[in-house]
Amino acid sequence: MHGSSPAAWTAVTLCLIGFTVGGIALVIGPSWSMFTVGVVLTLLSGVAAKVMSAAGYGSKATH
């Protein structure tokens, strides 16, 4: 099934953590360094998904 893979779960988890860190940074401060960490984590989630998918941890569904 589409999206039910370790690569997808890792990407979603990293993206949610990054979004949460960035949101908290804006509410408590704003703390721009913490916001930057959140943005970087969010952007790295896509890279992590591509790398894990290329390593064989993506879905095996055929289209």
PDB file of N, CA and C in Angstrom:
ATOM      1  N   MET A   1       0.842  -1.178   0.000  1.00  0.00           N
ATOM      2  CA  MET A   1       0.000   0.000   0.000  1.00  0.00           C
ATOM      3  C   MET A   1       0.889   1.243   0.000  1.00  0.00           C
ATOM      4  N   HIS A   2       0.465   2.262  -0.705  1.00  0.00           N
ATOM      5  CA  HIS A   2       1.226   3.491  -0.855  1.00  0.00           C
ATOM      6  C   HIS A   2       1.404   4.182   0.504  1.00  0.00           C
ATOM      7  N   GLY A   3       2.632   4.511   0.846  1.00  0.00           N
ATOM      8  CA  GLY A   3       2.915   5.256   2.064  1.00  0.00           C
ATOM      9  C   GLY A   3       3.142   4.409   3.291  1.00  0.00           C
ATOM     10  N   SER A   4       2.881   3.123   3.231  1.00  0.00           N
ATOM     11  CA  SER A   4       3.078   2.267   4.395  1.00  0.00           C
ATOM     12  C   SER A   4       4.461   1.641   4.333  1.00  0.00           C
ATOM     13  N   SER A   5       5.475   2.468   4.496  1.00  0.00           N
ATOM     14  CA  SER A   5       6.847   1.990   4.443  1.00  0.00           C
ATOM     15  C   SER A   5       7.667   2.718   5.503  1.00  0.00           C
ATOM     16  N   PRO A   6       8.783   2.132   5.888  1.00  0.00           N
ATOM     17  CA  PRO A   6       9.646   2.823   6.844  1.00  0.00           C
ATOM     18  C   PRO A   6      10.111   4.191   6.340  1.00  0.00           C
ATOM     19  N   ALA A   7      10.341   4.315   5.039  1.00  0.00           N
ATOM     20  CA  ALA A   7      10.766   5.601   4.491  1.00  0.00           C
ATOM     21  C   ALA A   7       9.674   6.658   4.669  1.00  0.00           C
ATOM     22  N   ALA A   8       8.440   6.287   4.403  1.00  0.00           N
ATOM     23  CA  ALA A   8       7.333   7.238   4.543  1.00  0.00           C
ATOM     24  C   ALA A   8       7.101   7.616   6.002  1.00  0.00           C
ATOM     25  N   TRP A   9       7.132   6.635   6.876  1.00  0.00           N
ATOM     26  CA  TRP A   9       6.928   6.920   8.300  1.00  0.00           C
ATOM     27  C   TRP A   9       8.046   7.800   8.854  1.00  0.00           C
ATOM     28  N   THR A  10       9.270   7.562   8.439  1.00  0.00           N
ATOM     29  CA  THR A  10      10.389   8.390   8.888  1.00  0.00           C
ATOM     30  C   THR A  10      10.231   9.817   8.390  1.00  0.00           C
ATOM     31  N   ALA A  11       9.852   9.971   7.139  1.00  0.00           N
ATOM     32  CA  ALA A  11       9.673  11.306   6.580  1.00  0.00           C
ATOM     33  C   ALA A  11       8.568  12.066   7.300  1.00  0.00           C
ATOM     34  N   VAL A  12       7.457  11.417   7.542  1.00  0.00           N
ATOM     35  CA  VAL A  12       6.342  12.077   8.225  1.00  0.00           C
ATOM     36  C   VAL A  12       6.726  12.453   9.652  1.00  0.00           C
ATOM     37  N   THR A  13       7.412  11.556  10.345  1.00  0.00           N
ATOM     38  CA  THR A  13       7.822  11.832  11.721  1.00  0.00           C
ATOM     39  C   THR A  13       8.795  13.006  11.776  1.00  0.00           C
ATOM     40  N   LEU A  14       9.803  13.009  10.906  1.00  0.00           N
ATOM     41  CA  LEU A  14      10.754  14.124  10.882  1.00  0.00           C
ATOM     42  C   LEU A  14      10.070  15.439  10.520  1.00  0.00           C
ATOM     43  N   CYS A  15       9.156  15.387   9.584  1.00  0.00           N
ATOM     44  CA  CYS A  15       8.441  16.590   9.177  1.00  0.00           C
ATOM     45  C   CYS A  15       7.592  17.146  10.321  1.00  0.00           C
ATOM     46  N   LEU A  16       6.897  16.262  11.022  1.00  0.00           N
ATOM     47  CA  LEU A  16       6.085  16.718  12.156  1.00  0.00           C
ATOM     48  C   LEU A  16       6.945  17.298  13.277  1.00  0.00           C
ATOM     49  N   ILE A  17       8.083  16.666  13.551  1.00  0.00           N
ATOM     50  CA  ILE A  17       8.984  17.194  14.582  1.00  0.00           C
ATOM     51  C   ILE A  17       9.505  18.569  14.165  1.00  0.00           C
ATOM     52  N   GLY A  18       9.933  18.688  12.907  1.00  0.00           N
ATOM     53  CA  GLY A  18      10.435  19.969  12.426  1.00  0.00           C
ATOM     54  C   GLY A  18       9.382  21.059  12.467  1.00  0.00           C
ATOM     55  N   PHE A  19       8.171  20.730  12.053  1.00  0.00           N
ATOM     56  CA  PHE A  19       7.083  21.701  12.064  1.00  0.00           C
ATOM     57  C   PHE A  19       6.754  22.124  13.495  1.00  0.00           C
ATOM     58  N   THR A  20       6.763  21.173  14.413  1.00  0.00           N
ATOM     59  CA  THR A  20       6.475  21.476  15.816  1.00  0.00           C
ATOM     60  C   THR A  20       7.561  22.360  16.421  1.00  0.00           C
ATOM     61  N   VAL A  21       8.819  22.024  16.166  1.00  0.00           N
ATOM     62  CA  VAL A  21       9.929  22.831  16.691  1.00  0.00           C
ATOM     63  C   VAL A  21       9.850  24.249  16.143  1.00  0.00           C
ATOM     64  N   GLY A  22       9.601  24.377  14.843  1.00  0.00           N
ATOM     65  CA  GLY A  22       9.480  25.703  14.252  1.00  0.00           C
ATOM     66  C   GLY A  22       8.314  26.499  14.806  1.00  0.00           C
ATOM     67  N   GLY A  23       7.190  25.838  15.004  1.00  0.00           N
ATOM     68  CA  GLY A  23       6.022  26.513  15.572  1.00  0.00           C
ATOM     69  C   GLY A  23       6.249  26.969  17.003  1.00  0.00           C
ATOM     70  N   ILE A  24       6.854  26.102  17.805  1.00  0.00           N
ATOM     71  CA  ILE A  24       7.161  26.469  19.192  1.00  0.00           C
ATOM     72  C   ILE A  24       8.141  27.636  19.219  1.00  0.00           C
ATOM     73  N   ALA A  25       9.113  27.618  18.323  1.00  0.00           N
ATOM     74  CA  ALA A  25      10.100  28.700  18.267  1.00  0.00           C
ATOM     75  C   ALA A  25       9.444  30.044  17.990  1.00  0.00           C
ATOM     76  N   LEU A  26       8.425  30.071  17.167  1.00  0.00           N
ATOM     77  CA  LEU A  26       7.756  31.331  16.868  1.00  0.00           C
ATOM     78  C   LEU A  26       6.868  31.788  18.015  1.00  0.00           C
ATOM     79  N   VAL A  27       6.312  30.849  18.753  1.00  0.00           N
ATOM     80  CA  VAL A  27       5.406  31.204  19.843  1.00  0.00           C
ATOM     81  C   VAL A  27       6.168  31.714  21.065  1.00  0.00           C
ATOM     82  N   ILE A  28       7.296  31.095  21.388  1.00  0.00           N
ATOM     83  CA  ILE A  28       7.995  31.458  22.625  1.00  0.00           C
ATOM     84  C   ILE A  28       8.933  32.636  22.476  1.00  0.00           C
ATOM     85  N   GLY A  29       9.149  33.129  21.286  1.00  0.00           N
ATOM     86  CA  GLY A  29      10.232  34.100  21.172  1.00  0.00           C
ATOM     87  C   GLY A  29       9.910  35.377  20.472  1.00  0.00           C
ATOM     88  N   PRO A  30      10.113  35.463  19.262  1.00  0.00           N
ATOM     89  CA  PRO A  30      10.543  34.395  18.363  1.00  0.00           C
ATOM     90  C   PRO A  30      12.030  34.069  18.513  1.00  0.00           C
ATOM     91  N   SER A  31      12.318  32.801  18.461  1.00  0.00           N
ATOM     92  CA  SER A  31      13.688  32.307  18.519  1.00  0.00           C
ATOM     93  C   SER A  31      14.058  31.850  17.107  1.00  0.00           C
ATOM     94  N   TRP A  32      14.786  32.700  16.388  1.00  0.00           N
ATOM     95  CA  TRP A  32      15.050  32.432  14.979  1.00  0.00           C
ATOM     96  C   TRP A  32      16.003  31.261  14.772  1.00  0.00           C
ATOM     97  N   SER A  33      16.912  31.032  15.712  1.00  0.00           N
ATOM     98  CA  SER A  33      17.808  29.884  15.556  1.00  0.00           C
ATOM     99  C   SER A  33      17.033  28.577  15.717  1.00  0.00           C
ATOM    100  N   MET A  34      16.113  28.536  16.677  1.00  0.00           N
ATOM    101  CA  MET A  34      15.291  27.339  16.864  1.00  0.00           C
ATOM    102  C   MET A  34      14.341  27.152  15.681  1.00  0.00           C
ATOM    103  N   PHE A  35      13.833  28.248  15.154  1.00  0.00           N
ATOM    104  CA  PHE A  35      12.973  28.175  13.973  1.00  0.00           C
ATOM    105  C   PHE A  35      13.745  27.596  12.780  1.00  0.00           C
ATOM    106  N   THR A  36      14.986  28.022  12.628  1.00  0.00           N
ATOM    107  CA  THR A  36      15.822  27.517  11.543  1.00  0.00           C
ATOM    108  C   THR A  36      16.050  26.013  11.688  1.00  0.00           C
ATOM    109  N   VAL A  37      16.264  25.547  12.902  1.00  0.00           N
ATOM    110  CA  VAL A  37      16.417  24.108  13.140  1.00  0.00           C
ATOM    111  C   VAL A  37      15.148  23.375  12.704  1.00  0.00           C
ATOM    112  N   GLY A  38      13.994  23.920  13.023  1.00  0.00           N
ATOM    113  CA  GLY A  38      12.726  23.309  12.613  1.00  0.00           C
ATOM    114  C   GLY A  38      12.571  23.253  11.115  1.00  0.00           C
ATOM    115  N   VAL A  39      12.948  24.331  10.434  1.00  0.00           N
ATOM    116  CA  VAL A  39      12.858  24.366   8.970  1.00  0.00           C
ATOM    117  C   VAL A  39      13.802  23.342   8.351  1.00  0.00           C
ATOM    118  N   VAL A  40      15.017  23.265   8.873  1.00  0.00           N
ATOM    119  CA  VAL A  40      15.993  22.307   8.343  1.00  0.00           C
ATOM    120  C   VAL A  40      15.501  20.874   8.543  1.00  0.00           C
ATOM    121  N   LEU A  41      14.956  20.573   9.717  1.00  0.00           N
ATOM    122  CA  LEU A  41      14.413  19.232   9.953  1.00  0.00           C
ATOM    123  C   LEU A  41      13.278  18.914   8.984  1.00  0.00           C
ATOM    124  N   THR A  42      12.423  19.884   8.747  1.00  0.00           N
ATOM    125  CA  THR A  42      11.312  19.677   7.831  1.00  0.00           C
ATOM    126  C   THR A  42      11.817  19.413   6.411  1.00  0.00           C
ATOM    127  N   LEU A  43      12.799  20.164   5.976  1.00  0.00           N
ATOM    128  CA  LEU A  43      13.341  19.965   4.632  1.00  0.00           C
ATOM    129  C   LEU A  43      14.116  18.652   4.524  1.00  0.00           C
ATOM    130  N   LEU A  44      14.810  18.271   5.592  1.00  0.00           N
ATOM    131  CA  LEU A  44      15.567  17.018   5.576  1.00  0.00           C
ATOM    132  C   LEU A  44      14.667  15.793   5.557  1.00  0.00           C
ATOM    133  N   SER A  45      13.419  15.953   5.944  1.00  0.00           N
ATOM    134  CA  SER A  45      12.516  14.804   5.930  1.00  0.00           C
ATOM    135  C   SER A  45      12.331  14.271   4.512  1.00  0.00           C
ATOM    136  N   GLY A  46      12.263  15.158   3.534  1.00  0.00           N
ATOM    137  CA  GLY A  46      12.144  14.723   2.145  1.00  0.00           C
ATOM    138  C   GLY A  46      13.402  14.031   1.650  1.00  0.00           C
ATOM    139  N   VAL A  47      14.552  14.550   2.052  1.00  0.00           N
ATOM    140  CA  VAL A  47      15.823  13.932   1.673  1.00  0.00           C
ATOM    141  C   VAL A  47      15.938  12.549   2.299  1.00  0.00           C
ATOM    142  N   ALA A  48      15.566  12.441   3.579  1.00  0.00           N
ATOM    143  CA  ALA A  48      15.632  11.149   4.270  1.00  0.00           C
ATOM    144  C   ALA A  48      14.723  10.128   3.592  1.00  0.00           C
ATOM    145  N   ALA A  49      13.547  10.554   3.169  1.00  0.00           N
ATOM    146  CA  ALA A  49      12.622   9.641   2.490  1.00  0.00           C
ATOM    147  C   ALA A  49      13.208   9.140   1.174  1.00  0.00           C
ATOM    148  N   LYS A  50      13.809  10.035   0.403  1.00  0.00           N
ATOM    149  CA  LYS A  50      14.406   9.633  -0.874  1.00  0.00           C
ATOM    150  C   LYS A  50      15.573   8.667  -0.653  1.00  0.00           C
ATOM    151  N   VAL A  51      16.424   8.967   0.333  1.00  0.00           N
ATOM    152  CA  VAL A  51      17.575   8.112   0.603  1.00  0.00           C
ATOM    153  C   VAL A  51      17.117   6.740   1.083  1.00  0.00           C
ATOM    154  N   MET A  52      16.164   6.715   2.009  1.00  0.00           N
ATOM    155  CA  MET A  52      15.675   5.433   2.516  1.00  0.00           C
ATOM    156  C   MET A  52      14.958   4.643   1.428  1.00  0.00           C
ATOM    157  N   SER A  53      14.224   5.329   0.574  1.00  0.00           N
ATOM    158  CA  SER A  53      13.533   4.652  -0.521  1.00  0.00           C
ATOM    159  C   SER A  53      14.537   4.039  -1.501  1.00  0.00           C
ATOM    160  N   ALA A  54      15.606   4.778  -1.791  1.00  0.00           N
ATOM    161  CA  ALA A  54      16.647   4.257  -2.674  1.00  0.00           C
ATOM    162  C   ALA A  54      17.392   3.085  -2.047  1.00  0.00           C
ATOM    163  N   ALA A  55      17.443   3.062  -0.713  1.00  0.00           N
ATOM    164  CA  ALA A  55      18.118   1.977  -0.007  1.00  0.00           C
ATOM    165  C   ALA A  55      17.233   0.745   0.139  1.00  0.00           C
ATOM    166  N   GLY A  56      16.000   0.830  -0.348  1.00  0.00           N
ATOM    167  CA  GLY A  56      15.122  -0.333  -0.324  1.00  0.00           C
ATOM    168  C   GLY A  56      14.080  -0.320   0.775  1.00  0.00           C
ATOM    169  N   TYR A  57      13.938   0.787   1.470  1.00  0.00           N
ATOM    170  CA  TYR A  57      12.954   0.878   2.541  1.00  0.00           C
ATOM    171  C   TYR A  57      11.661   1.566   2.122  1.00  0.00           C
ATOM    172  N   GLY A  58      11.499   1.809   0.836  1.00  0.00           N
ATOM    173  CA  GLY A  58      10.278   2.425   0.327  1.00  0.00           C
ATOM    174  C   GLY A  58       9.216   1.380   0.058  1.00  0.00           C
ATOM    175  N   SER A  59       8.056   1.823  -0.398  1.00  0.00           N
ATOM    176  CA  SER A  59       6.967   0.875  -0.685  1.00  0.00           C
ATOM    177  C   SER A  59       7.299   0.087  -1.944  1.00  0.00           C
ATOM    178  N   LYS A  60       6.790  -1.113  -1.994  1.00  0.00           N
ATOM    179  CA  LYS A  60       7.027  -2.008  -3.120  1.00  0.00           C
ATOM    180  C   LYS A  60       5.882  -1.999  -4.128  1.00  0.00           C
ATOM    181  N   ALA A  61       4.969  -1.050  -3.984  1.00  0.00           N
ATOM    182  CA  ALA A  61       3.806  -0.988  -4.869  1.00  0.00           C
ATOM    183  C   ALA A  61       4.221  -0.664  -6.296  1.00  0.00           C
ATOM    184  N   THR A  62       3.554  -1.277  -7.245  1.00  0.00           N
ATOM    185  CA  THR A  62       3.809  -0.986  -8.648  1.00  0.00           C
ATOM    186  C   THR A  62       2.622  -0.216  -9.205  1.00  0.00           C
ATOM    187  N   HIS A  63       2.893   0.663 -10.114  1.00  0.00           N
ATOM    188  CA  HIS A  63       1.828   1.494 -10.688  1.00  0.00           C
ATOM    189  C   HIS A  63       1.567   1.100 -12.095  1.00  0.00           C
TER     190      HIS A  63
END
